[in-house]
PDB file of N, CA and C in Angstrom:
ATOM      1  N   MET A   1       0.840  -1.164   0.000  1.00  0.00           N
ATOM      2  CA  MET A   1       0.000   0.000   0.000  1.00  0.00           C
ATOM      3  C   MET A   1       0.896   1.241   0.000  1.00  0.00           C
ATOM      4  N   MET A   2       0.591   2.145  -0.875  1.00  0.00           N
ATOM      5  CA  MET A   2       1.395   3.341  -1.033  1.00  0.00           C
ATOM      6  C   MET A   2       0.791   4.498  -0.232  1.00  0.00           C
ATOM      7  N   GLN A   3       1.644   5.212   0.496  1.00  0.00           N
ATOM      8  CA  GLN A   3       1.163   6.335   1.289  1.00  0.00           C
ATOM      9  C   GLN A   3       1.141   7.591   0.443  1.00  0.00           C
ATOM     10  N   ARG A   4       0.049   8.339   0.589  1.00  0.00           N
ATOM     11  CA  ARG A   4      -0.063   9.605  -0.127  1.00  0.00           C
ATOM     12  C   ARG A   4       0.534  10.710   0.705  1.00  0.00           C
ATOM     13  N   LYS A   5       1.219  11.603   0.051  1.00  0.00           N
ATOM     14  CA  LYS A   5       1.718  12.783   0.747  1.00  0.00           C
ATOM     15  C   LYS A   5       0.697  13.895   0.588  1.00  0.00           C
ATOM     16  N   LEU A   6       0.380  14.524   1.684  1.00  0.00           N
ATOM     17  CA  LEU A   6      -0.571  15.627   1.643  1.00  0.00           C
ATOM     18  C   LEU A   6       0.117  16.866   1.093  1.00  0.00           C
ATOM     19  N   PRO A   7      -0.589  17.629   0.299  1.00  0.00           N
ATOM     20  CA  PRO A   7       0.031  18.847  -0.230  1.00  0.00           C
ATOM     21  C   PRO A   7       0.231  19.869   0.878  1.00  0.00           C
ATOM     22  N   ARG A   8       1.325  20.594   0.804  1.00  0.00           N
ATOM     23  CA  ARG A   8       1.613  21.637   1.790  1.00  0.00           C
ATOM     24  C   ARG A   8       1.328  22.992   1.194  1.00  0.00           C
ATOM     25  N   LEU A   9       0.925  23.883   2.047  1.00  0.00           N
ATOM     26  CA  LEU A   9       0.726  25.256   1.609  1.00  0.00           C
ATOM     27  C   LEU A   9       2.087  25.907   1.386  1.00  0.00           C
ATOM     28  N   PRO A  10       2.177  26.821   0.458  1.00  0.00           N
ATOM     29  CA  PRO A  10       3.457  27.491   0.242  1.00  0.00           C
ATOM     30  C   PRO A  10       3.892  28.243   1.500  1.00  0.00           C
ATOM     31  N   GLY A  11       5.130  28.038   1.878  1.00  0.00           N
ATOM     32  CA  GLY A  11       5.668  28.717   3.056  1.00  0.00           C
ATOM     33  C   GLY A  11       5.317  28.054   4.365  1.00  0.00           C
ATOM     34  N   ALA A  12       4.615  26.919   4.342  1.00  0.00           N
ATOM     35  CA  ALA A  12       4.228  26.225   5.572  1.00  0.00           C
ATOM     36  C   ALA A  12       5.227  25.110   5.833  1.00  0.00           C
ATOM     37  N   GLU A  13       6.341  25.462   6.429  1.00  0.00           N
ATOM     38  CA  GLU A  13       7.342  24.464   6.736  1.00  0.00           C
ATOM     39  C   GLU A  13       7.315  24.172   8.227  1.00  0.00           C
ATOM     40  N   VAL A  14       7.735  22.976   8.603  1.00  0.00           N
ATOM     41  CA  VAL A  14       7.743  22.584  10.001  1.00  0.00           C
ATOM     42  C   VAL A  14       8.986  23.175  10.653  1.00  0.00           C
ATOM     43  N   ILE A  15       8.791  23.899  11.748  1.00  0.00           N
ATOM     44  CA  ILE A  15       9.894  24.549  12.435  1.00  0.00           C
ATOM     45  C   ILE A  15      10.007  23.957  13.829  1.00  0.00           C
ATOM     46  N   ASN A  16      11.189  23.545  14.189  1.00  0.00           N
ATOM     47  CA  ASN A  16      11.442  23.067  15.537  1.00  0.00           C
ATOM     48  C   ASN A  16      11.467  24.286  16.459  1.00  0.00           C
ATOM     49  N   SER A  17      10.825  24.195  17.619  1.00  0.00           N
ATOM     50  CA  SER A  17      10.705  25.374  18.479  1.00  0.00           C
ATOM     51  C   SER A  17      12.053  25.830  19.019  1.00  0.00           C
ATOM     52  N   SER A  18      13.042  24.937  19.098  1.00  0.00           N
ATOM     53  CA  SER A  18      14.348  25.358  19.591  1.00  0.00           C
ATOM     54  C   SER A  18      15.146  26.089  18.518  1.00  0.00           C
ATOM     55  N   ASP A  19      14.702  26.033  17.272  1.00  0.00           N
ATOM     56  CA  ASP A  19      15.414  26.689  16.179  1.00  0.00           C
ATOM     57  C   ASP A  19      14.981  28.130  15.970  1.00  0.00           C
ATOM     58  N   ILE A  20      13.955  28.593  16.669  1.00  0.00           N
ATOM     59  CA  ILE A  20      13.458  29.951  16.462  1.00  0.00           C
ATOM     60  C   ILE A  20      14.385  30.936  17.155  1.00  0.00           C
ATOM     61  N   THR A  21      14.772  31.968  16.447  1.00  0.00           N
ATOM     62  CA  THR A  21      15.651  33.000  16.981  1.00  0.00           C
ATOM     63  C   THR A  21      14.942  34.346  16.892  1.00  0.00           C
ATOM     64  N   PRO A  22      15.460  35.357  17.587  1.00  0.00           N
ATOM     65  CA  PRO A  22      14.836  36.682  17.498  1.00  0.00           C
ATOM     66  C   PRO A  22      14.838  37.242  16.081  1.00  0.00           C
ATOM     67  N   GLU A  23      15.812  36.835  15.278  1.00  0.00           N
ATOM     68  CA  GLU A  23      15.860  37.335  13.906  1.00  0.00           C
ATOM     69  C   GLU A  23      14.721  36.768  13.066  1.00  0.00           C
ATOM     70  N   ASP A  24      14.236  35.568  13.408  1.00  0.00           N
ATOM     71  CA  ASP A  24      13.149  34.949  12.647  1.00  0.00           C
ATOM     72  C   ASP A  24      11.826  35.672  12.868  1.00  0.00           C
ATOM     73  N   LEU A  25      11.588  36.131  14.095  1.00  0.00           N
ATOM     74  CA  LEU A  25      10.287  36.695  14.428  1.00  0.00           C
ATOM     75  C   LEU A  25      10.294  38.202  14.621  1.00  0.00           C
ATOM     76  N   GLY A  26      11.381  38.756  14.978  1.00  0.00           N
ATOM     77  CA  GLY A  26      11.385  40.153  15.401  1.00  0.00           C
ATOM     78  C   GLY A  26      11.420  40.186  16.919  1.00  0.00           C
ATOM     79  N   ARG A  27      11.916  41.256  17.484  1.00  0.00           N
ATOM     80  CA  ARG A  27      12.138  41.297  18.923  1.00  0.00           C
ATOM     81  C   ARG A  27      10.866  41.149  19.749  1.00  0.00           C
ATOM     82  N   GLY A  28       9.833  41.912  19.410  1.00  0.00           N
ATOM     83  CA  GLY A  28       8.591  41.869  20.184  1.00  0.00           C
ATOM     84  C   GLY A  28       7.866  40.536  20.053  1.00  0.00           C
ATOM     85  N   GLU A  29       7.808  40.022  18.832  1.00  0.00           N
ATOM     86  CA  GLU A  29       7.147  38.732  18.609  1.00  0.00           C
ATOM     87  C   GLU A  29       7.908  37.610  19.291  1.00  0.00           C
ATOM     88  N   TYR A  30       9.242  37.690  19.311  1.00  0.00           N
ATOM     89  CA  TYR A  30      10.050  36.663  19.963  1.00  0.00           C
ATOM     90  C   TYR A  30       9.808  36.674  21.467  1.00  0.00           C
ATOM     91  N   LEU A  31       9.709  37.875  22.047  1.00  0.00           N
ATOM     92  CA  LEU A  31       9.441  37.980  23.478  1.00  0.00           C
ATOM     93  C   LEU A  31       8.080  37.388  23.823  1.00  0.00           C
ATOM     94  N   LEU A  32       7.048  37.716  23.029  1.00  0.00           N
ATOM     95  CA  LEU A  32       5.722  37.136  23.259  1.00  0.00           C
ATOM     96  C   LEU A  32       5.734  35.628  23.086  1.00  0.00           C
ATOM     97  N   TRP A  33       6.484  35.140  22.111  1.00  0.00           N
ATOM     98  CA  TRP A  33       6.565  33.695  21.880  1.00  0.00           C
ATOM     99  C   TRP A  33       7.216  33.002  23.067  1.00  0.00           C
ATOM    100  N   LYS A  34       8.278  33.599  23.638  1.00  0.00           N
ATOM    101  CA  LYS A  34       8.951  33.016  24.800  1.00  0.00           C
ATOM    102  C   LYS A  34       8.022  33.006  26.020  1.00  0.00           C
ATOM    103  N   ILE A  35       7.227  34.074  26.189  1.00  0.00           N
ATOM    104  CA  ILE A  35       6.298  34.129  27.317  1.00  0.00           C
ATOM    105  C   ILE A  35       5.229  33.059  27.157  1.00  0.00           C
ATOM    106  N   LYS A  36       4.666  32.928  25.952  1.00  0.00           N
ATOM    107  CA  LYS A  36       3.641  31.907  25.715  1.00  0.00           C
ATOM    108  C   LYS A  36       4.196  30.507  25.921  1.00  0.00           C
ATOM    109  N   LYS A  37       5.438  30.302  25.530  1.00  0.00           N
ATOM    110  CA  LYS A  37       6.054  28.985  25.668  1.00  0.00           C
ATOM    111  C   LYS A  37       6.231  28.605  27.139  1.00  0.00           C
ATOM    112  N   GLY A  38       6.485  29.595  27.997  1.00  0.00           N
ATOM    113  CA  GLY A  38       6.711  29.313  29.409  1.00  0.00           C
ATOM    114  C   GLY A  38       5.461  29.294  30.255  1.00  0.00           C
ATOM    115  N   MET A  39       4.333  29.671  29.711  1.00  0.00           N
ATOM    116  CA  MET A  39       3.097  29.733  30.497  1.00  0.00           C
ATOM    117  C   MET A  39       2.486  28.341  30.640  1.00  0.00           C
ATOM    118  N   THR A  40       2.218  27.972  31.875  1.00  0.00           N
ATOM    119  CA  THR A  40       1.545  26.701  32.160  1.00  0.00           C
ATOM    120  C   THR A  40       0.128  27.025  32.641  1.00  0.00           C
ATOM    121  N   PRO A  41      -0.779  26.053  32.673  1.00  0.00           N
ATOM    122  CA  PRO A  41      -2.149  26.336  33.129  1.00  0.00           C
ATOM    123  C   PRO A  41      -2.253  26.976  34.516  1.00  0.00           C
ATOM    124  N   PRO A  42      -1.452  26.581  35.518  1.00  0.00           N
ATOM    125  CA  PRO A  42      -1.567  27.291  36.796  1.00  0.00           C
ATOM    126  C   PRO A  42      -1.158  28.766  36.705  1.00  0.00           C
ATOM    127  N   ILE A  43      -0.181  29.063  35.863  1.00  0.00           N
ATOM    128  CA  ILE A  43       0.228  30.459  35.706  1.00  0.00           C
ATOM    129  C   ILE A  43      -0.863  31.251  35.001  1.00  0.00           C
ATOM    130  N   TRP A  44      -1.493  30.658  33.983  1.00  0.00           N
ATOM    131  CA  TRP A  44      -2.614  31.336  33.313  1.00  0.00           C
ATOM    132  C   TRP A  44      -3.735  31.598  34.311  1.00  0.00           C
ATOM    133  N   ALA A  45      -4.021  30.639  35.182  1.00  0.00           N
ATOM    134  CA  ALA A  45      -5.075  30.814  36.182  1.00  0.00           C
ATOM    135  C   ALA A  45      -4.744  31.963  37.128  1.00  0.00           C
ATOM    136  N   ALA A  46      -3.485  32.065  37.527  1.00  0.00           N
ATOM    137  CA  ALA A  46      -3.088  33.160  38.407  1.00  0.00           C
ATOM    138  C   ALA A  46      -3.190  34.504  37.696  1.00  0.00           C
ATOM    139  N   VAL A  47      -2.826  34.549  36.428  1.00  0.00           N
ATOM    140  CA  VAL A  47      -2.903  35.796  35.665  1.00  0.00           C
ATOM    141  C   VAL A  47      -4.352  36.272  35.563  1.00  0.00           C
ATOM    142  N   PHE A  48      -5.289  35.349  35.361  1.00  0.00           N
ATOM    143  CA  PHE A  48      -6.696  35.739  35.266  1.00  0.00           C
ATOM    144  C   PHE A  48      -7.317  35.984  36.643  1.00  0.00           C
ATOM    145  N   ALA A  49      -6.784  35.375  37.703  1.00  0.00           N
ATOM    146  CA  ALA A  49      -7.374  35.527  39.036  1.00  0.00           C
ATOM    147  C   ALA A  49      -6.969  36.824  39.712  1.00  0.00           C
ATOM    148  N   ILE A  50      -5.796  37.332  39.428  1.00  0.00           N
ATOM    149  CA  ILE A  50      -5.308  38.534  40.108  1.00  0.00           C
ATOM    150  C   ILE A  50      -6.235  39.739  39.894  1.00  0.00           C
ATOM    151  N   PRO A  51      -6.687  40.029  38.676  1.00  0.00           N
ATOM    152  CA  PRO A  51      -7.606  41.168  38.539  1.00  0.00           C
ATOM    153  C   PRO A  51      -8.915  40.988  39.313  1.00  0.00           C
ATOM    154  N   PHE A  52      -9.441  39.767  39.364  1.00  0.00           N
ATOM    155  CA  PHE A  52     -10.675  39.546  40.110  1.00  0.00           C
ATOM    156  C   PHE A  52     -10.464  39.736  41.606  1.00  0.00           C
ATOM    157  N   ALA A  53      -9.268  39.443  42.083  1.00  0.00           N
ATOM    158  CA  ALA A  53      -9.003  39.570  43.515  1.00  0.00           C
ATOM    159  C   ALA A  53      -8.772  41.016  43.937  1.00  0.00           C
ATOM    160  N   PHE A  54      -8.275  41.858  43.040  1.00  0.00           N
ATOM    161  CA  PHE A  54      -7.897  43.210  43.438  1.00  0.00           C
ATOM    162  C   PHE A  54      -8.858  44.305  42.996  1.00  0.00           C
ATOM    163  N   ILE A  55      -9.816  43.996  42.156  1.00  0.00           N
ATOM    164  CA  ILE A  55     -10.778  45.020  41.732  1.00  0.00           C
ATOM    165  C   ILE A  55     -11.941  45.014  42.731  1.00  0.00           C
ATOM    166  N   PRO A  56     -12.196  46.136  43.415  1.00  0.00           N
ATOM    167  CA  PRO A  56     -13.223  46.151  44.464  1.00  0.00           C
ATOM    168  C   PRO A  56     -14.624  45.784  43.970  1.00  0.00           C
ATOM    169  N   LEU A  57     -15.013  46.233  42.782  1.00  0.00           N
ATOM    170  CA  LEU A  57     -16.352  45.892  42.297  1.00  0.00           C
ATOM    171  C   LEU A  57     -16.505  44.394  42.073  1.00  0.00           C
ATOM    172  N   SER A  58     -15.468  43.748  41.571  1.00  0.00           N
ATOM    173  CA  SER A  58     -15.581  42.297  41.359  1.00  0.00           C
ATOM    174  C   SER A  58     -15.638  41.566  42.692  1.00  0.00           C
ATOM    175  N   GLN A  59     -14.935  42.086  43.693  1.00  0.00           N
ATOM    176  CA  GLN A  59     -15.013  41.463  45.017  1.00  0.00           C
ATOM    177  C   GLN A  59     -16.426  41.542  45.565  1.00  0.00           C
ATOM    178  N   LYS A  60     -17.034  42.707  45.393  1.00  0.00           N
ATOM    179  CA  LYS A  60     -18.365  42.913  45.964  1.00  0.00           C
ATOM    180  C   LYS A  60     -19.418  42.069  45.241  1.00  0.00           C
ATOM    181  N   TYR A  61     -19.409  42.073  43.930  1.00  0.00           N
ATOM    182  CA  TYR A  61     -20.474  41.414  43.183  1.00  0.00           C
ATOM    183  C   TYR A  61     -20.224  39.932  42.912  1.00  0.00           C
ATOM    184  N   LEU A  62     -18.986  39.484  43.004  1.00  0.00           N
ATOM    185  CA  LEU A  62     -18.713  38.067  42.753  1.00  0.00           C
ATOM    186  C   LEU A  62     -18.469  37.267  44.028  1.00  0.00           C
ATOM    187  N   TRP A  63     -17.732  37.849  44.997  1.00  0.00           N
ATOM    188  CA  TRP A  63     -17.269  37.036  46.110  1.00  0.00           C
ATOM    189  C   TRP A  63     -17.948  37.325  47.442  1.00  0.00           C
ATOM    190  N   THR A  64     -17.988  38.593  47.871  1.00  0.00           N
ATOM    191  CA  THR A  64     -18.316  38.858  49.269  1.00  0.00           C
ATOM    192  C   THR A  64     -19.638  39.566  49.528  1.00  0.00           C
ATOM    193  N   GLY A  65     -20.246  40.201  48.554  1.00  0.00           N
ATOM    194  CA  GLY A  65     -21.463  40.974  48.791  1.00  0.00           C
ATOM    195  C   GLY A  65     -22.649  40.100  49.165  1.00  0.00           C
ATOM    196  N   SER A  66     -23.697  40.735  49.693  1.00  0.00           N
ATOM    197  CA  SER A  66     -24.866  39.974  50.129  1.00  0.00           C
ATOM    198  C   SER A  66     -25.594  39.323  48.954  1.00  0.00           C
ATOM    199  N   GLY A  67     -25.609  39.956  47.805  1.00  0.00           N
ATOM    200  CA  GLY A  67     -26.257  39.362  46.635  1.00  0.00           C
ATOM    201  C   GLY A  67     -25.256  38.860  45.621  1.00  0.00           C
ATOM    202  N   SER A  68     -24.068  38.474  46.087  1.00  0.00           N
ATOM    203  CA  SER A  68     -23.011  38.084  45.161  1.00  0.00           C
ATOM    204  C   SER A  68     -23.381  36.804  44.416  1.00  0.00           C
ATOM    205  N   LEU A  69     -22.878  36.731  43.232  1.00  0.00           N
ATOM    206  CA  LEU A  69     -23.218  35.646  42.319  1.00  0.00           C
ATOM    207  C   LEU A  69     -22.663  34.302  42.785  1.00  0.00           C
ATOM    208  N   LEU A  70     -21.397  34.275  43.143  1.00  0.00           N
ATOM    209  CA  LEU A  70     -20.769  33.007  43.490  1.00  0.00           C
ATOM    210  C   LEU A  70     -21.012  32.590  44.928  1.00  0.00           C
ATOM    211  N   LYS A  71     -21.266  33.555  45.814  1.00  0.00           N
ATOM    212  CA  LYS A  71     -21.496  33.213  47.220  1.00  0.00           C
ATOM    213  C   LYS A  71     -22.784  32.418  47.382  1.00  0.00           C
ATOM    214  N   LYS A  72     -23.807  32.820  46.672  1.00  0.00           N
ATOM    215  CA  LYS A  72     -25.100  32.148  46.814  1.00  0.00           C
ATOM    216  C   LYS A  72     -25.106  30.782  46.123  1.00  0.00           C
ATOM    217  N   ASN A  73     -24.428  30.648  45.004  1.00  0.00           N
ATOM    218  CA  ASN A  73     -24.528  29.426  44.222  1.00  0.00           C
ATOM    219  C   ASN A  73     -23.364  28.474  44.455  1.00  0.00           C
ATOM    220  N   LEU A  74     -22.205  28.882  44.048  1.00  0.00           N
ATOM    221  CA  LEU A  74     -21.054  27.993  44.055  1.00  0.00           C
ATOM    222  C   LEU A  74     -20.576  27.680  45.463  1.00  0.00           C
ATOM    223  N   PHE A  75     -20.417  28.700  46.303  1.00  0.00           N
ATOM    224  CA  PHE A  75     -19.876  28.471  47.628  1.00  0.00           C
ATOM    225  C   PHE A  75     -20.851  27.694  48.516  1.00  0.00           C
ATOM    226  N   GLN A  76     -22.135  27.874  48.315  1.00  0.00           N
ATOM    227  CA  GLN A  76     -23.111  27.115  49.086  1.00  0.00           C
ATOM    228  C   GLN A  76     -23.071  25.643  48.685  1.00  0.00           C
ATOM    229  N   ALA A  77     -22.925  25.373  47.397  1.00  0.00           N
ATOM    230  CA  ALA A  77     -22.819  23.990  46.933  1.00  0.00           C
ATOM    231  C   ALA A  77     -21.537  23.343  47.447  1.00  0.00           C
ATOM    232  N   MET A  78     -20.426  24.092  47.428  1.00  0.00           N
ATOM    233  CA  MET A  78     -19.169  23.546  47.939  1.00  0.00           C
ATOM    234  C   MET A  78     -19.255  23.271  49.432  1.00  0.00           C
ATOM    235  N   SER A  79     -19.973  24.100  50.155  1.00  0.00           N
ATOM    236  CA  SER A  79     -20.133  23.907  51.586  1.00  0.00           C
ATOM    237  C   SER A  79     -20.940  22.645  51.886  1.00  0.00           C
ATOM    238  N   SER A  80     -22.000  22.416  51.121  1.00  0.00           N
ATOM    239  CA  SER A  80     -22.795  21.209  51.366  1.00  0.00           C
ATOM    240  C   SER A  80     -22.041  19.948  50.942  1.00  0.00           C
ATOM    241  N   PHE A  81     -21.250  20.033  49.879  1.00  0.00           N
ATOM    242  CA  PHE A  81     -20.418  18.876  49.501  1.00  0.00           C
ATOM    243  C   PHE A  81     -19.361  18.610  50.562  1.00  0.00           C
ATOM    244  N   GLY A  82     -18.803  19.668  51.135  1.00  0.00           N
ATOM    245  CA  GLY A  82     -17.797  19.508  52.179  1.00  0.00           C
ATOM    246  C   GLY A  82     -18.376  18.903  53.439  1.00  0.00           C
ATOM    247  N   GLY A  83     -19.652  19.177  53.724  1.00  0.00           N
ATOM    248  CA  GLY A  83     -20.290  18.611  54.908  1.00  0.00           C
ATOM    249  C   GLY A  83     -20.503  17.116  54.820  1.00  0.00           C
ATOM    250  N   CYS A  84     -20.657  16.602  53.619  1.00  0.00           N
ATOM    251  CA  CYS A  84     -20.876  15.165  53.488  1.00  0.00           C
ATOM    252  C   CYS A  84     -19.598  14.412  53.124  1.00  0.00           C
ATOM    253  N   ALA A  85     -18.480  15.110  52.944  1.00  0.00           N
ATOM    254  CA  ALA A  85     -17.241  14.452  52.520  1.00  0.00           C
ATOM    255  C   ALA A  85     -16.697  13.525  53.596  1.00  0.00           C
ATOM    256  N   SER A  86     -16.665  13.974  54.848  1.00  0.00           N
ATOM    257  CA  SER A  86     -16.087  13.157  55.920  1.00  0.00           C
ATOM    258  C   SER A  86     -16.861  11.854  56.152  1.00  0.00           C
ATOM    259  N   PRO A  87     -18.193  11.889  56.299  1.00  0.00           N
ATOM    260  CA  PRO A  87     -18.913  10.615  56.454  1.00  0.00           C
ATOM    261  C   PRO A  87     -18.768   9.701  55.237  1.00  0.00           C
ATOM    262  N   LEU A  88     -18.752  10.276  54.072  1.00  0.00           N
ATOM    263  CA  LEU A  88     -18.610   9.472  52.864  1.00  0.00           C
ATOM    264  C   LEU A  88     -17.245   8.800  52.792  1.00  0.00           C
ATOM    265  N   ILE A  89     -16.192   9.516  53.160  1.00  0.00           N
ATOM    266  CA  ILE A  89     -14.848   8.937  53.171  1.00  0.00           C
ATOM    267  C   ILE A  89     -14.768   7.819  54.197  1.00  0.00           C
ATOM    268  N   SER A  90     -15.375   8.018  55.364  1.00  0.00           N
ATOM    269  CA  SER A  90     -15.371   6.971  56.392  1.00  0.00           C
ATOM    270  C   SER A  90     -16.116   5.726  55.910  1.00  0.00           C
ATOM    271  N   PHE A  91     -17.241   5.924  55.251  1.00  0.00           N
ATOM    272  CA  PHE A  91     -18.021   4.802  54.731  1.00  0.00           C
ATOM    273  C   PHE A  91     -17.227   4.023  53.682  1.00  0.00           C
ATOM    274  N   ILE A  92     -16.600   4.717  52.774  1.00  0.00           N
ATOM    275  CA  ILE A  92     -15.837   4.044  51.716  1.00  0.00           C
ATOM    276  C   ILE A  92     -14.619   3.341  52.296  1.00  0.00           C
ATOM    277  N   LEU A  93     -13.935   3.979  53.256  1.00  0.00           N
ATOM    278  CA  LEU A  93     -12.788   3.344  53.882  1.00  0.00           C
ATOM    279  C   LEU A  93     -13.206   2.072  54.617  1.00  0.00           C
ATOM    280  N   GLY A  94     -14.325   2.149  55.338  1.00  0.00           N
ATOM    281  CA  GLY A  94     -14.803   0.952  56.044  1.00  0.00           C
ATOM    282  C   GLY A  94     -15.172  -0.164  55.091  1.00  0.00           C
ATOM    283  N   SER A  95     -15.789   0.162  53.963  1.00  0.00           N
ATOM    284  CA  SER A  95     -16.160  -0.894  53.015  1.00  0.00           C
ATOM    285  C   SER A  95     -14.930  -1.492  52.336  1.00  0.00           C
ATOM    286  N   ASN A  96     -13.891  -0.704  52.150  1.00  0.00           N
ATOM    287  CA  ASN A  96     -12.669  -1.242  51.544  1.00  0.00           C
ATOM    288  C   ASN A  96     -11.879  -2.102  52.525  1.00  0.00           C
ATOM    289  N   LEU A  97     -11.975  -1.802  53.819  1.00  0.00           N
ATOM    290  CA  LEU A  97     -11.222  -2.554  54.809  1.00  0.00           C
ATOM    291  C   LEU A  97     -11.949  -3.808  55.294  1.00  0.00           C
ATOM    292  N   SER A  98     -13.244  -3.890  55.062  1.00  0.00           N
ATOM    293  CA  SER A  98     -13.987  -5.054  55.543  1.00  0.00           C
ATOM    294  C   SER A  98     -13.839  -6.216  54.568  1.00  0.00           C
ATOM    295  N   TYR A  99     -14.042  -7.395  55.092  1.00  0.00           N
ATOM    296  CA  TYR A  99     -13.971  -8.597  54.254  1.00  0.00           C
ATOM    297  C   TYR A  99     -15.360  -9.102  53.887  1.00  0.00           C
ATOM    298  N   GLY A 100     -16.383  -8.355  54.183  1.00  0.00           N
ATOM    299  CA  GLY A 100     -17.738  -8.792  53.895  1.00  0.00           C
ATOM    300  C   GLY A 100     -18.259  -9.676  55.022  1.00  0.00           C
ATOM    301  N   TYR A 101     -19.369 -10.368  54.760  1.00  0.00           N
ATOM    302  CA  TYR A 101     -19.953 -11.253  55.756  1.00  0.00           C
ATOM    303  C   TYR A 101     -19.138 -12.540  55.869  1.00  0.00           C
ATOM    304  N   PRO A 102     -19.006 -13.054  57.098  1.00  0.00           N
ATOM    305  CA  PRO A 102     -18.353 -14.375  57.207  1.00  0.00           C
ATOM    306  C   PRO A 102     -19.256 -15.450  56.609  1.00  0.00           C
ATOM    307  N   ILE A 103     -18.671 -16.558  56.282  1.00  0.00           N
ATOM    308  CA  ILE A 103     -19.409 -17.640  55.620  1.00  0.00           C
ATOM    309  C   ILE A 103     -20.552 -18.155  56.526  1.00  0.00           C
ATOM    310  N   THR A 104     -20.340 -18.164  57.824  1.00  0.00           N
ATOM    311  CA  THR A 104     -21.329 -18.721  58.766  1.00  0.00           C
ATOM    312  C   THR A 104     -22.390 -17.710  59.180  1.00  0.00           C
ATOM    313  N   ALA A 105     -22.349 -16.476  58.678  1.00  0.00           N
ATOM    314  CA  ALA A 105     -23.305 -15.449  59.092  1.00  0.00           C
ATOM    315  C   ALA A 105     -24.669 -15.731  58.504  1.00  0.00           C
ATOM    316  N   ASP A 106     -25.698 -15.495  59.336  1.00  0.00           N
ATOM    317  CA  ASP A 106     -27.090 -15.667  58.876  1.00  0.00           C
ATOM    318  C   ASP A 106     -27.651 -14.281  58.581  1.00  0.00           C
ATOM    319  N   ILE A 107     -27.717 -13.911  57.286  1.00  0.00           N
ATOM    320  CA  ILE A 107     -28.170 -12.569  56.901  1.00  0.00           C
ATOM    321  C   ILE A 107     -29.577 -12.603  56.300  1.00  0.00           C
ATOM    322  N   SER A 108     -30.303 -13.671  56.516  1.00  0.00           N
ATOM    323  CA  SER A 108     -31.625 -13.801  55.929  1.00  0.00           C
ATOM    324  C   SER A 108     -32.664 -12.972  56.681  1.00  0.00           C
ATOM    325  N   ARG A 109     -32.411 -12.511  57.865  1.00  0.00           N
ATOM    326  CA  ARG A 109     -33.389 -11.748  58.640  1.00  0.00           C
ATOM    327  C   ARG A 109     -33.609 -10.402  58.106  1.00  0.00           C
TER     328      ARG A 109
END
């Protein structure tokens, strides 16, 4: 069976990321490329979280105010899930550590 080669667009060559130099992109584009290359998901989360934490209006309407959006919905749900986490963990741990009913047990009652 013969493999077909897909046609390439003109100028669309594969570039190894370690081969890119500032001369290839220009100084500003190279700096942005290096920043994007070093960004991981936790860093992106911190970059987006900082403005929400420091802007007073977002604090009032999202986090701490009496009619805040997340306090009534998300935080209340997390609180109720947290209340049942400990008993649930104990139940699962007990079921994993038990060997079940002994062979001589009468469980018909």
